[in-house]
Amino acid sequence: MTSVTALFSPVEDDLRVLNQNLRQLVGARHPILSAAADRLFQAGGKQLRPAIVLLVSRATVGDGDITPRHRRLAEIAEMIHTASLIHDDVLDESDVRRGIPTVHSSFGNRIAVLAGDFLFAQSSWYLANLDHLEVVKLLSQVIMDLAEGEIQQGLSHFDTDLSLEDYLHKSYYKTGSLIANSSKAAGLLSGVSSDLAEHIYQFGRNIGLAFQIVDDILDFTESSETLGKPAVSDLRSGNLTAPALYAMQQLPQLVTLISREFAEDGDIDEAISLIQESDAISQSRELAAEHTRVAIEHLNHLPPSQTRQCLSRLADYLLSRCY
């Protein structure tokens, strides 16, 4: 299977510069906050979001090079994403992410919350300095959506009345919004038409949803070692994702287990087995495949280029992870 980093080859140098700049952008005015934020930057990750921003930038800029504003937008997207991860880990009480201790487990909840706030504030400052009102609005909406997604998730734990539509709305807020709006922002910085900007947004929205659905499938099919965090952690905490929602439609006994919040011995193991033995995983794969197909349809409105081809291959790769 092609590695995700190989698909980023057209922006490999751009990502190298981004990594150098992130350290400088966080700054040294607050050493403990900088150290906490730097923990996640050092953790590696796939840097999917800034890579997509940079690929869209190169796919829309024409024959010239991308601008400093394109590069700064990619950095802002990664800062927003990192800030949200720090806060998510506090809320989820996660001790490990990507195989290393989380910020709050190393520095405490207080520093972790402040580090996340610090990154959000820094990203907002650099966003304002892009001096592009529509782009500012798009990325400000992302920060609002991230908060909305966390609120929705927090209020729906163990809610067996949660619909698939509710799940997709929450997934958009938590994952799709950043990819969709930062991709559209990259196109706007390149001066694309409003029609093409909307196609770019829809590409990002659908690839973001597919990415989240695939991640939720992997939570049931991969080991904790592979995931870099405890497997089936969402179900254990009552966060119901596509596999659980599809399985509940078929298995009333699963609804019973979830409704009583796995209060009895063996409940969680039985629930996992029910989901894995049903066709909920295959249904979730079909849902991810449909969003991937729609994403590529919208992507095809971009002018043909190597970077457009990379984005299409990236969409296929993200889907292939769950097969």
Protein backbone atom coordinates (compact mmCIF):
# COMPACT_ATOMS: atom_id res chain seq x y z
CA MET A 1 0.00 0.00 0.00
CA THR A 2 1.22 3.50 -0.81
CA SER A 3 2.19 5.43 2.33
CA VAL A 4 0.36 8.66 3.02
CA THR A 5 3.62 10.60 3.13
CA ALA A 6 4.46 9.45 -0.42
CA LEU A 7 1.24 11.10 -1.59
CA PHE A 8 2.50 14.41 -0.19
CA SER A 9 5.61 14.44 -2.39
CA PRO A 10 4.62 17.64 -4.30
CA VAL A 11 4.47 19.52 -0.98
CA GLU A 12 7.23 17.66 0.88
CA ASP A 13 9.45 20.75 0.98
CA ASP A 14 6.49 22.92 1.98
CA LEU A 15 5.76 20.62 4.94
CA ARG A 16 9.40 20.75 6.01
CA VAL A 17 9.22 24.54 6.12
CA LEU A 18 5.90 24.33 7.95
CA ASN A 19 7.44 22.19 10.71
CA GLN A 20 10.24 24.71 11.18
CA ASN A 21 7.82 27.63 11.25
CA LEU A 22 5.43 26.06 13.76
CA ARG A 23 8.12 26.13 16.45
CA GLN A 24 8.75 29.82 15.75
CA LEU A 25 5.04 30.71 15.62
CA VAL A 26 4.35 29.22 19.03
CA GLY A 27 7.16 31.39 20.38
CA ALA A 28 9.07 31.38 23.62
CA ARG A 29 7.17 33.97 25.69
CA HIS A 30 5.54 31.20 27.74
CA PRO A 31 8.06 28.34 27.88
CA ILE A 32 5.84 25.80 29.66
CA LEU A 33 2.94 26.39 27.26
CA SER A 34 5.29 26.23 24.31
CA ALA A 35 6.77 22.97 25.60
CA ALA A 36 3.30 21.51 26.06
CA ALA A 37 2.17 22.49 22.56
CA ASP A 38 5.45 21.31 21.08
CA ARG A 39 4.79 17.85 22.56
CA LEU A 40 2.14 17.21 19.91
CA PHE A 41 4.10 18.82 17.09
CA GLN A 42 6.94 16.42 17.92
CA ALA A 43 4.55 13.46 18.01
CA GLY A 44 4.64 13.42 14.24
CA GLY A 45 1.17 12.64 12.96
CA LYS A 46 0.35 12.54 9.28
CA GLN A 47 -0.11 16.33 8.99
CA LEU A 48 -3.07 15.57 6.77
CA ARG A 49 -4.75 18.95 7.18
CA PRO A 50 -1.83 21.24 6.28
CA ALA A 51 -0.85 18.86 3.46
CA ILE A 52 -4.33 19.15 1.94
CA VAL A 53 -4.20 22.95 2.28
CA LEU A 54 -0.83 23.02 0.52
CA LEU A 55 -1.95 20.60 -2.21
CA VAL A 56 -5.11 22.62 -2.87
CA SER A 57 -2.99 25.79 -2.91
CA ARG A 58 -0.68 24.35 -5.56
CA ALA A 59 -3.61 22.93 -7.53
CA THR A 60 -5.30 26.35 -7.75
CA VAL A 61 -2.43 28.82 -7.99
CA GLY A 62 -1.73 28.21 -11.67
CA ASP A 63 1.81 28.30 -13.06
CA GLY A 64 3.28 30.40 -10.24
CA ASP A 65 4.44 29.43 -6.76
CA ILE A 66 2.19 29.47 -3.70
CA THR A 67 2.32 32.65 -1.62
CA PRO A 68 3.40 33.23 1.99
CA ARG A 69 -0.31 33.56 2.83
CA HIS A 70 -0.93 30.01 1.53
CA ARG A 71 1.88 28.74 3.73
CA ARG A 72 0.63 30.64 6.76
CA LEU A 73 -2.88 29.25 6.21
CA ALA A 74 -1.50 25.69 6.34
CA GLU A 75 0.32 26.53 9.58
CA ILE A 76 -2.85 28.02 11.06
CA ALA A 77 -4.81 24.87 10.15
CA GLU A 78 -2.26 22.68 11.95
CA MET A 79 -2.25 24.97 15.00
CA ILE A 80 -6.05 24.83 15.24
CA HIS A 81 -6.01 21.06 14.86
CA THR A 82 -3.31 20.65 17.51
CA ALA A 83 -5.17 22.92 19.93
CA SER A 84 -8.31 20.83 19.50
CA LEU A 85 -6.38 17.60 20.15
CA ILE A 86 -4.96 18.95 23.41
CA HIS A 87 -8.45 19.89 24.62
CA ASP A 88 -9.97 16.61 23.36
CA ASP A 89 -7.46 14.58 25.35
CA VAL A 90 -8.37 16.48 28.52
CA LEU A 91 -12.09 15.89 27.98
CA ASP A 92 -11.57 12.22 27.05
CA GLU A 93 -9.03 11.67 29.87
CA SER A 94 -6.70 10.09 27.29
CA ASP A 95 -3.22 9.30 28.56
CA VAL A 96 -1.68 8.40 25.18
CA ARG A 97 -1.91 9.81 21.66
CA ARG A 98 0.17 8.56 18.72
CA GLY A 99 1.95 6.31 21.15
CA ILE A 100 3.31 9.08 23.41
CA PRO A 101 1.96 10.60 26.65
CA THR A 102 -0.64 13.32 26.10
CA VAL A 103 -0.03 16.90 27.15
CA HIS A 104 -2.34 16.72 30.16
CA SER A 105 -0.82 13.45 31.40
CA SER A 106 2.65 15.05 31.30
CA PHE A 107 1.90 18.62 32.37
CA GLY A 108 -1.49 18.39 34.12
CA ASN A 109 -4.96 19.50 33.07
CA ARG A 110 -4.41 23.17 33.88
CA ILE A 111 -1.38 23.51 31.61
CA ALA A 112 -3.05 21.43 28.88
CA VAL A 113 -6.14 23.66 28.81
CA LEU A 114 -3.97 26.79 28.78
CA ALA A 115 -1.76 25.33 26.03
CA GLY A 116 -4.82 24.64 23.87
CA ASP A 117 -6.18 28.13 24.51
CA PHE A 118 -2.74 29.56 23.74
CA LEU A 119 -2.63 27.82 20.36
CA PHE A 120 -6.17 28.91 19.49
CA ALA A 121 -5.25 32.50 20.36
CA GLN A 122 -2.01 32.35 18.38
CA SER A 123 -3.80 30.91 15.35
CA SER A 124 -6.45 33.64 15.55
CA TRP A 125 -3.77 36.33 15.61
CA TYR A 126 -1.99 34.96 12.55
CA LEU A 127 -5.35 34.43 10.84
CA ALA A 128 -6.28 38.11 11.30
CA ASN A 129 -2.94 39.09 9.81
CA LEU A 130 -3.75 37.29 6.56
CA ASP A 131 -5.87 40.40 5.89
CA HIS A 132 -8.53 38.46 3.95
CA LEU A 133 -11.95 38.87 5.54
CA GLU A 134 -13.63 35.86 3.94
CA VAL A 135 -10.75 33.58 4.93
CA VAL A 136 -10.91 34.94 8.48
CA LYS A 137 -14.63 34.15 8.60
CA LEU A 138 -14.08 30.61 7.30
CA LEU A 139 -11.41 29.68 9.85
CA SER A 140 -13.26 31.45 12.68
CA GLN A 141 -16.24 29.24 11.82
CA VAL A 142 -13.97 26.19 12.17
CA ILE A 143 -13.12 27.13 15.77
CA MET A 144 -16.82 27.56 16.54
CA ASP A 145 -17.61 24.22 14.89
CA LEU A 146 -14.96 22.40 16.93
CA ALA A 147 -16.57 23.66 20.13
CA GLU A 148 -20.04 22.75 18.83
CA GLY A 149 -18.85 19.24 18.00
CA GLU A 150 -17.46 18.72 21.48
CA ILE A 151 -20.69 19.98 23.05
CA GLN A 152 -22.80 17.67 20.89
CA GLN A 153 -20.56 14.72 21.71
CA GLY A 154 -20.61 15.49 25.42
CA LEU A 155 -24.42 15.67 25.48
CA SER A 156 -24.98 12.45 23.50
CA HIS A 157 -22.95 9.88 25.44
CA PHE A 158 -24.81 6.55 25.61
CA ASP A 159 -27.75 8.12 23.73
CA THR A 160 -29.33 5.20 21.88
CA ASP A 161 -31.67 7.61 20.08
CA LEU A 162 -28.70 9.20 18.27
CA SER A 163 -29.30 9.04 14.52
CA LEU A 164 -26.78 8.52 11.74
CA GLU A 165 -27.54 12.07 10.61
CA ASP A 166 -26.69 13.37 14.10
CA TYR A 167 -23.42 11.43 13.95
CA LEU A 168 -22.52 12.93 10.57
CA HIS A 169 -23.31 16.45 11.81
CA LYS A 170 -21.03 15.91 14.81
CA SER A 171 -18.33 14.40 12.58
CA TYR A 172 -18.49 17.45 10.32
CA TYR A 173 -18.05 19.80 13.25
CA LYS A 174 -15.15 17.82 14.75
CA THR A 175 -13.29 16.81 11.56
CA GLY A 176 -14.91 17.93 8.31
CA SER A 177 -15.19 21.64 9.01
CA LEU A 178 -11.45 22.27 9.35
CA ILE A 179 -10.59 20.36 6.17
CA ALA A 180 -13.48 21.86 4.19
CA ASN A 181 -13.07 25.48 5.22
CA SER A 182 -9.26 25.56 5.13
CA SER A 183 -9.32 23.97 1.65
CA LYS A 184 -11.82 26.56 0.46
CA ALA A 185 -9.72 29.30 2.05
CA ALA A 186 -6.66 28.09 0.10
CA GLY A 187 -8.65 28.39 -3.12
CA LEU A 188 -9.82 31.89 -2.22
CA LEU A 189 -6.23 32.97 -1.56
CA SER A 190 -5.49 31.74 -5.10
CA GLY A 191 -8.32 33.86 -6.48
CA VAL A 192 -10.59 31.04 -7.71
CA SER A 193 -14.22 31.70 -8.65
CA SER A 194 -16.97 31.33 -6.06
CA ASP A 195 -18.27 28.28 -7.97
CA LEU A 196 -14.91 26.51 -7.85
CA ALA A 197 -14.44 27.55 -4.21
CA GLU A 198 -17.70 25.73 -3.39
CA HIS A 199 -16.49 22.57 -5.17
CA ILE A 200 -13.26 22.74 -3.15
CA TYR A 201 -15.30 23.14 0.05
CA GLN A 202 -17.43 20.10 -0.82
CA PHE A 203 -14.32 18.08 -1.58
CA GLY A 204 -12.94 18.94 1.87
CA ARG A 205 -16.26 18.33 3.61
CA ASN A 206 -16.71 14.86 2.14
CA ILE A 207 -13.10 13.77 2.52
CA GLY A 208 -13.27 14.94 6.13
CA LEU A 209 -16.39 12.87 6.79
CA ALA A 210 -14.87 9.83 5.07
CA PHE A 211 -11.70 10.25 7.14
CA GLN A 212 -13.69 10.32 10.40
CA ILE A 213 -15.83 7.32 9.45
CA VAL A 214 -12.69 5.33 8.56
CA ASP A 215 -11.09 6.28 11.90
CA ASP A 216 -14.23 5.10 13.67
CA ILE A 217 -14.08 1.78 11.81
CA LEU A 218 -10.41 1.32 12.71
CA ASP A 219 -11.31 1.79 16.38
CA PHE A 220 -13.06 -1.60 16.11
CA THR A 221 -10.69 -3.39 13.75
CA GLU A 222 -7.17 -2.35 14.83
CA SER A 223 -5.12 -2.95 17.98
CA SER A 224 -4.24 -0.32 20.54
CA GLU A 225 -0.60 -0.55 19.42
CA THR A 226 -1.52 0.23 15.81
CA LEU A 227 -3.89 3.04 16.78
CA GLY A 228 -1.46 4.63 19.23
CA LYS A 229 -4.32 4.87 21.75
CA PRO A 230 -6.68 2.42 23.49
CA ALA A 231 -8.88 0.53 21.01
CA VAL A 232 -12.67 0.83 21.20
CA SER A 233 -12.22 3.88 23.42
CA ASP A 234 -15.20 5.71 21.91
CA LEU A 235 -17.66 2.92 22.63
CA ARG A 236 -16.32 2.46 26.17
CA SER A 237 -16.96 6.15 26.88
CA GLY A 238 -20.42 6.09 25.28
CA ASN A 239 -19.45 7.99 22.14
CA LEU A 240 -21.53 6.15 19.54
CA THR A 241 -20.02 6.08 16.04
CA ALA A 242 -21.13 4.62 12.70
CA PRO A 243 -20.39 0.93 13.49
CA ALA A 244 -22.34 1.08 16.76
CA LEU A 245 -25.24 2.99 15.19
CA TYR A 246 -25.58 0.52 12.31
CA ALA A 247 -25.34 -2.45 14.68
CA MET A 248 -28.04 -1.02 16.98
CA GLN A 249 -30.44 -0.96 14.03
CA GLN A 250 -30.10 -4.75 13.79
CA LEU A 251 -29.48 -5.85 17.39
CA PRO A 252 -31.90 -4.85 20.17
CA GLN A 253 -29.64 -6.52 22.75
CA LEU A 254 -26.89 -4.03 21.88
CA VAL A 255 -29.28 -1.16 22.59
CA THR A 256 -29.92 -2.66 26.03
CA LEU A 257 -26.20 -2.90 26.81
CA ILE A 258 -25.56 0.69 25.77
CA SER A 259 -28.65 2.04 27.55
CA ARG A 260 -27.39 0.71 30.87
CA GLU A 261 -23.95 2.18 30.10
CA PHE A 262 -22.18 -1.22 30.30
CA ALA A 263 -22.94 -1.36 34.01
CA GLU A 264 -22.72 -5.16 34.33
CA ASP A 265 -19.63 -7.35 34.06
CA GLY A 266 -18.99 -8.45 30.50
CA ASP A 267 -21.27 -5.81 28.93
CA ILE A 268 -18.55 -3.98 27.01
CA ASP A 269 -16.99 -7.20 25.67
CA GLU A 270 -20.38 -8.45 24.55
CA ALA A 271 -21.14 -5.14 22.84
CA ILE A 272 -17.82 -5.20 20.96
CA SER A 273 -18.47 -8.77 19.81
CA LEU A 274 -21.98 -7.94 18.63
CA ILE A 275 -20.73 -5.03 16.55
CA GLN A 276 -17.81 -6.96 15.06
CA GLU A 277 -19.96 -9.97 14.21
CA SER A 278 -22.70 -7.89 12.54
CA ASP A 279 -22.43 -6.28 9.11
CA ALA A 280 -22.13 -2.84 10.72
CA ILE A 281 -18.44 -2.57 9.76
CA SER A 282 -19.21 -3.26 6.09
CA GLN A 283 -22.09 -0.76 6.16
CA SER A 284 -19.74 1.83 7.63
CA ARG A 285 -17.22 1.11 4.87
CA GLU A 286 -19.93 1.72 2.28
CA LEU A 287 -20.77 5.05 3.94
CA ALA A 288 -17.10 6.09 3.86
CA ALA A 289 -16.81 4.98 0.23
CA GLU A 290 -19.81 7.09 -0.77
CA HIS A 291 -18.35 10.23 0.80
CA THR A 292 -15.01 9.50 -0.88
CA ARG A 293 -16.75 9.14 -4.26
CA VAL A 294 -18.54 12.48 -3.81
CA ALA A 295 -15.30 14.15 -2.72
CA ILE A 296 -13.51 13.04 -5.90
CA GLU A 297 -16.44 14.21 -8.06
CA HIS A 298 -16.05 17.72 -6.67
CA LEU A 299 -12.26 17.53 -6.94
CA ASN A 300 -12.53 16.86 -10.66
CA HIS A 301 -13.72 20.44 -11.19
CA LEU A 302 -10.14 21.60 -10.51
CA PRO A 303 -7.82 21.99 -13.51
CA PRO A 304 -5.87 18.76 -14.26
CA SER A 305 -2.49 18.75 -12.48
CA GLN A 306 -0.13 16.52 -10.52
CA THR A 307 -1.40 17.99 -7.27
CA ARG A 308 -5.04 17.31 -8.18
CA GLN A 309 -4.05 13.73 -8.94
CA CYS A 310 -2.34 13.52 -5.54
CA LEU A 311 -5.51 14.73 -3.82
CA SER A 312 -7.54 12.08 -5.64
CA ARG A 313 -5.06 9.36 -4.71
CA LEU A 314 -5.08 10.64 -1.12
CA ALA A 315 -8.86 10.22 -0.99
CA ASP A 316 -8.53 6.63 -2.25
CA TYR A 317 -5.74 5.94 0.25
CA LEU A 318 -7.73 7.22 3.23
CA LEU A 319 -10.58 4.87 2.28
CA SER A 320 -8.25 1.91 1.73
CA ARG A 321 -7.12 2.03 5.36
CA CYS A 322 -10.33 0.35 6.52
CA TYR A 323 -10.16 -2.60 4.06
